[in-house]
Amino acid sequence: MTHGFGGWDSAPGCIQQHVPGSEGVYKPYQQCADFFTFGHGSTLGTLGSGVNSSYWVLTAIGIVAMIVFLVWWVVLEDRKLKAQAASLLQSGGLRGTSPRTGSG
């Protein structure tokens, strides 16, 4: 029996099929340590040994993308702040003041 989008069976192998409803909601999933649509889940107690390498590749891509976009955002904001400061200095809005250090 196929189910899911387009007839694909996207359920991980750790899900227990044909569990009666009287067993509760969580019974079919109690052997799953993780869940990834269209991927195989690992079972409890195996850490990462039952996980496909696609999990690690996807995780690494996500981490790299997050770092790249964070650095890009910081650089972008720094450029905008420097441009705003230069504009204010040129228009006399800051009147040549420098940033203060410490309290006082």
N, C-alpha and C. Protein backbone atom coordinates (compact mmCIF):
# COMPACT_ATOMS: atom_id res chain seq x y z
N MET A 1 0.84 -1.19 0.00
CA MET A 1 0.00 0.00 0.00
C MET A 1 0.88 1.23 0.00
N THR A 2 0.66 2.11 -0.95
CA THR A 2 1.39 3.37 -0.99
C THR A 2 0.51 4.48 -0.49
N HIS A 3 1.11 5.41 0.11
CA HIS A 3 0.39 6.58 0.60
C HIS A 3 1.34 7.76 0.58
N GLY A 4 0.84 8.93 0.91
CA GLY A 4 1.67 10.13 0.90
C GLY A 4 1.53 10.84 -0.44
N PHE A 5 2.35 11.83 -0.62
CA PHE A 5 2.30 12.67 -1.81
C PHE A 5 2.72 11.90 -3.05
N GLY A 6 1.91 11.88 -4.04
CA GLY A 6 2.24 11.23 -5.31
C GLY A 6 2.35 9.73 -5.23
N GLY A 7 1.82 9.12 -4.18
CA GLY A 7 1.90 7.68 -4.03
C GLY A 7 3.21 7.18 -3.43
N TRP A 8 4.08 8.10 -3.02
CA TRP A 8 5.34 7.71 -2.41
C TRP A 8 5.12 7.35 -0.95
N ASP A 9 5.76 6.31 -0.51
CA ASP A 9 5.72 5.96 0.90
C ASP A 9 6.85 6.71 1.58
N SER A 10 6.52 7.81 2.25
CA SER A 10 7.54 8.65 2.85
C SER A 10 7.75 8.38 4.33
N ALA A 11 7.10 7.38 4.86
CA ALA A 11 7.24 7.08 6.29
C ALA A 11 8.58 6.40 6.56
N PRO A 12 9.29 6.86 7.59
CA PRO A 12 10.55 6.19 7.94
C PRO A 12 10.31 4.75 8.38
N GLY A 13 11.32 3.92 8.25
CA GLY A 13 11.19 2.51 8.58
C GLY A 13 11.00 2.24 10.06
N CYS A 14 11.28 3.22 10.91
CA CYS A 14 11.15 2.98 12.35
C CYS A 14 9.70 3.08 12.82
N ILE A 15 8.80 3.56 11.98
CA ILE A 15 7.38 3.68 12.37
C ILE A 15 6.73 2.31 12.30
N GLN A 16 6.09 1.91 13.38
CA GLN A 16 5.40 0.63 13.44
C GLN A 16 4.05 0.77 12.74
N GLN A 17 3.84 -0.02 11.71
CA GLN A 17 2.61 0.04 10.95
C GLN A 17 1.55 -0.88 11.58
N HIS A 18 0.31 -0.60 11.32
CA HIS A 18 -0.83 -1.42 11.73
C HIS A 18 -0.95 -1.55 13.25
N VAL A 19 -0.61 -0.51 13.99
CA VAL A 19 -0.80 -0.51 15.44
C VAL A 19 -2.23 -0.05 15.70
N PRO A 20 -2.99 -0.78 16.50
CA PRO A 20 -4.38 -0.38 16.76
C PRO A 20 -4.44 0.95 17.51
N GLY A 21 -5.48 1.69 17.26
CA GLY A 21 -5.66 2.99 17.89
C GLY A 21 -5.74 2.91 19.40
N SER A 22 -6.16 1.76 19.92
CA SER A 22 -6.26 1.61 21.37
C SER A 22 -4.89 1.63 22.05
N GLU A 23 -3.81 1.46 21.28
CA GLU A 23 -2.45 1.49 21.84
C GLU A 23 -1.99 2.92 22.14
N GLY A 24 -2.70 3.89 21.63
CA GLY A 24 -2.33 5.29 21.87
C GLY A 24 -1.69 5.93 20.65
N VAL A 25 -1.49 7.22 20.77
CA VAL A 25 -0.98 8.00 19.65
C VAL A 25 0.52 7.78 19.43
N TYR A 26 1.27 7.61 20.49
CA TYR A 26 2.72 7.57 20.39
C TYR A 26 3.30 6.18 20.15
N LYS A 27 2.53 5.16 20.31
CA LYS A 27 3.01 3.79 20.18
C LYS A 27 3.69 3.53 18.83
N PRO A 28 3.12 3.95 17.70
CA PRO A 28 3.78 3.66 16.42
C PRO A 28 5.14 4.34 16.26
N TYR A 29 5.38 5.40 17.03
CA TYR A 29 6.60 6.18 16.86
C TYR A 29 7.63 5.96 17.96
N GLN A 30 7.40 5.08 18.89
CA GLN A 30 8.27 4.96 20.04
C GLN A 30 9.66 4.44 19.70
N GLN A 31 9.84 3.81 18.56
CA GLN A 31 11.17 3.32 18.16
C GLN A 31 11.94 4.34 17.33
N CYS A 32 11.31 5.48 17.05
CA CYS A 32 11.97 6.50 16.23
C CYS A 32 12.73 7.50 17.09
N ALA A 33 13.96 7.77 16.70
CA ALA A 33 14.75 8.78 17.38
C ALA A 33 14.69 10.10 16.62
N ASP A 34 14.36 10.04 15.35
CA ASP A 34 14.26 11.25 14.54
C ASP A 34 13.25 11.02 13.43
N PHE A 35 12.94 12.05 12.71
CA PHE A 35 11.96 11.94 11.64
C PHE A 35 12.38 12.87 10.52
N PHE A 36 12.42 12.36 9.33
CA PHE A 36 12.80 13.15 8.17
C PHE A 36 11.99 12.66 6.99
N THR A 37 11.15 13.50 6.45
CA THR A 37 10.30 13.09 5.34
C THR A 37 11.17 12.66 4.16
N PHE A 38 10.82 11.56 3.57
CA PHE A 38 11.53 10.93 2.46
C PHE A 38 12.92 10.44 2.87
N GLY A 39 13.16 10.28 4.15
CA GLY A 39 14.44 9.76 4.63
C GLY A 39 14.20 8.65 5.62
N HIS A 40 15.21 7.88 5.87
CA HIS A 40 15.10 6.78 6.82
C HIS A 40 15.42 7.29 8.21
N GLY A 41 14.61 6.93 9.18
CA GLY A 41 14.85 7.34 10.55
C GLY A 41 15.77 6.37 11.25
N SER A 42 16.47 6.88 12.25
CA SER A 42 17.29 5.99 13.06
C SER A 42 16.46 5.52 14.25
N THR A 43 16.91 4.51 14.92
CA THR A 43 16.17 4.00 16.07
C THR A 43 16.84 4.46 17.35
N LEU A 44 16.11 4.40 18.44
CA LEU A 44 16.63 4.85 19.72
C LEU A 44 17.85 4.04 20.12
N GLY A 45 18.80 4.71 20.74
CA GLY A 45 19.98 4.03 21.24
C GLY A 45 21.09 3.82 20.24
N THR A 46 20.91 4.26 19.00
CA THR A 46 21.96 4.05 18.00
C THR A 46 22.72 5.32 17.69
N LEU A 47 22.38 6.42 18.34
CA LEU A 47 22.95 7.74 18.05
C LEU A 47 22.83 8.01 16.56
N GLY A 48 23.92 8.15 15.86
CA GLY A 48 23.84 8.45 14.44
C GLY A 48 24.15 7.27 13.56
N SER A 49 24.29 6.08 14.11
CA SER A 49 24.73 4.95 13.31
C SER A 49 23.67 4.48 12.31
N GLY A 50 22.39 4.72 12.59
CA GLY A 50 21.36 4.27 11.67
C GLY A 50 20.89 5.35 10.71
N VAL A 51 21.54 6.48 10.75
CA VAL A 51 21.12 7.62 9.95
C VAL A 51 21.81 7.60 8.60
N ASN A 52 21.07 7.92 7.57
CA ASN A 52 21.65 8.03 6.23
C ASN A 52 22.66 9.16 6.19
N SER A 53 23.60 9.05 5.30
CA SER A 53 24.58 10.13 5.14
C SER A 53 23.92 11.39 4.63
N SER A 54 22.73 11.27 4.02
CA SER A 54 22.03 12.46 3.55
C SER A 54 21.63 13.37 4.70
N TYR A 55 21.39 12.80 5.89
CA TYR A 55 21.12 13.63 7.07
C TYR A 55 22.30 14.54 7.35
N TRP A 56 23.50 13.93 7.37
CA TRP A 56 24.69 14.69 7.71
C TRP A 56 25.00 15.72 6.63
N VAL A 57 24.80 15.36 5.38
CA VAL A 57 25.04 16.30 4.28
C VAL A 57 24.07 17.47 4.39
N LEU A 58 22.80 17.18 4.62
CA LEU A 58 21.80 18.25 4.75
C LEU A 58 22.09 19.13 5.96
N THR A 59 22.49 18.52 7.06
CA THR A 59 22.83 19.29 8.26
C THR A 59 24.04 20.19 8.00
N ALA A 60 25.06 19.65 7.34
CA ALA A 60 26.26 20.43 7.04
C ALA A 60 25.93 21.59 6.10
N ILE A 61 25.11 21.34 5.09
CA ILE A 61 24.70 22.40 4.17
C ILE A 61 23.96 23.49 4.93
N GLY A 62 23.08 23.09 5.85
CA GLY A 62 22.34 24.06 6.64
C GLY A 62 23.23 24.90 7.52
N ILE A 63 24.22 24.27 8.16
CA ILE A 63 25.14 25.01 9.03
C ILE A 63 25.98 25.99 8.21
N VAL A 64 26.52 25.52 7.09
CA VAL A 64 27.33 26.39 6.24
C VAL A 64 26.50 27.55 5.71
N ALA A 65 25.28 27.28 5.25
CA ALA A 65 24.41 28.35 4.75
C ALA A 65 24.10 29.35 5.85
N MET A 66 23.84 28.88 7.06
CA MET A 66 23.54 29.78 8.17
C MET A 66 24.73 30.70 8.45
N ILE A 67 25.93 30.15 8.49
CA ILE A 67 27.12 30.95 8.76
C ILE A 67 27.37 31.96 7.64
N VAL A 68 27.24 31.52 6.39
CA VAL A 68 27.45 32.41 5.25
C VAL A 68 26.46 33.58 5.29
N PHE A 69 25.19 33.29 5.53
CA PHE A 69 24.20 34.37 5.54
C PHE A 69 24.34 35.27 6.76
N LEU A 70 24.80 34.72 7.88
CA LEU A 70 25.04 35.55 9.06
C LEU A 70 26.19 36.52 8.80
N VAL A 71 27.28 36.03 8.22
CA VAL A 71 28.42 36.90 7.88
C VAL A 71 27.98 37.94 6.85
N TRP A 72 27.24 37.52 5.84
CA TRP A 72 26.75 38.46 4.82
C TRP A 72 25.90 39.55 5.45
N TRP A 73 25.02 39.18 6.38
CA TRP A 73 24.14 40.15 7.03
C TRP A 73 24.95 41.15 7.86
N VAL A 74 25.96 40.65 8.61
CA VAL A 74 26.78 41.55 9.42
C VAL A 74 27.53 42.52 8.53
N VAL A 75 28.10 42.05 7.44
CA VAL A 75 28.82 42.92 6.51
C VAL A 75 27.86 43.95 5.90
N LEU A 76 26.68 43.50 5.51
CA LEU A 76 25.69 44.42 4.94
C LEU A 76 25.31 45.52 5.94
N GLU A 77 25.02 45.14 7.17
CA GLU A 77 24.64 46.12 8.19
C GLU A 77 25.80 47.06 8.51
N ASP A 78 27.03 46.54 8.52
CA ASP A 78 28.19 47.38 8.77
C ASP A 78 28.33 48.43 7.67
N ARG A 79 28.16 48.03 6.42
CA ARG A 79 28.23 48.99 5.31
C ARG A 79 27.15 50.05 5.43
N LYS A 80 25.94 49.62 5.80
CA LYS A 80 24.85 50.59 5.93
C LYS A 80 25.11 51.58 7.07
N LEU A 81 25.65 51.08 8.19
CA LEU A 81 25.97 51.96 9.31
C LEU A 81 27.08 52.94 8.96
N LYS A 82 28.12 52.45 8.27
CA LYS A 82 29.21 53.34 7.85
C LYS A 82 28.72 54.40 6.87
N ALA A 83 27.84 54.00 5.95
CA ALA A 83 27.29 54.95 4.99
C ALA A 83 26.43 56.00 5.70
N GLN A 84 25.64 55.56 6.68
CA GLN A 84 24.80 56.49 7.43
C GLN A 84 25.66 57.45 8.25
N ALA A 85 26.72 56.95 8.88
CA ALA A 85 27.61 57.81 9.66
C ALA A 85 28.31 58.82 8.76
N ALA A 86 28.77 58.37 7.58
CA ALA A 86 29.42 59.29 6.65
C ALA A 86 28.44 60.36 6.18
N SER A 87 27.21 59.97 5.92
CA SER A 87 26.19 60.92 5.49
C SER A 87 25.90 61.94 6.58
N LEU A 88 25.82 61.47 7.81
CA LEU A 88 25.55 62.39 8.92
C LEU A 88 26.73 63.33 9.16
N LEU A 89 27.96 62.81 9.03
CA LEU A 89 29.13 63.67 9.19
C LEU A 89 29.19 64.73 8.10
N GLN A 90 28.84 64.33 6.88
CA GLN A 90 28.89 65.26 5.75
C GLN A 90 27.82 66.34 5.89
N SER A 91 26.65 65.97 6.39
CA SER A 91 25.56 66.94 6.51
C SER A 91 25.64 67.75 7.80
N GLY A 92 26.60 67.41 8.67
CA GLY A 92 26.74 68.13 9.92
C GLY A 92 25.85 67.59 11.02
N GLY A 93 25.23 66.47 10.78
CA GLY A 93 24.34 65.88 11.78
C GLY A 93 25.07 65.39 13.01
N LEU A 94 26.31 64.96 12.84
CA LEU A 94 27.09 64.48 13.99
C LEU A 94 28.05 65.55 14.50
N ARG A 95 28.29 66.58 13.73
CA ARG A 95 29.16 67.69 14.07
C ARG A 95 30.56 67.24 14.50
N GLY A 96 31.05 66.23 13.84
CA GLY A 96 32.42 65.81 14.08
C GLY A 96 32.64 65.13 15.41
N THR A 97 31.62 64.68 16.06
CA THR A 97 31.80 64.00 17.34
C THR A 97 32.30 62.60 17.09
N SER A 98 33.00 62.06 18.06
CA SER A 98 33.45 60.68 17.97
C SER A 98 32.70 59.85 19.00
N PRO A 99 32.62 58.56 18.79
CA PRO A 99 31.90 57.73 19.75
C PRO A 99 32.58 57.75 21.11
N ARG A 100 31.82 57.74 22.16
CA ARG A 100 32.35 57.75 23.51
C ARG A 100 32.67 56.33 23.95
N THR A 101 33.71 56.22 24.75
CA THR A 101 34.04 54.92 25.32
C THR A 101 33.85 55.01 26.82
N GLY A 102 33.37 53.94 27.38
CA GLY A 102 33.13 53.90 28.83
C GLY A 102 31.91 54.70 29.23
N SER A 103 31.69 54.85 30.50
CA SER A 103 30.54 55.62 30.97
C SER A 103 31.02 56.94 31.54
N GLY A 104 30.18 57.92 31.51
CA GLY A 104 30.62 59.16 32.09
C GLY A 104 29.92 60.27 31.51
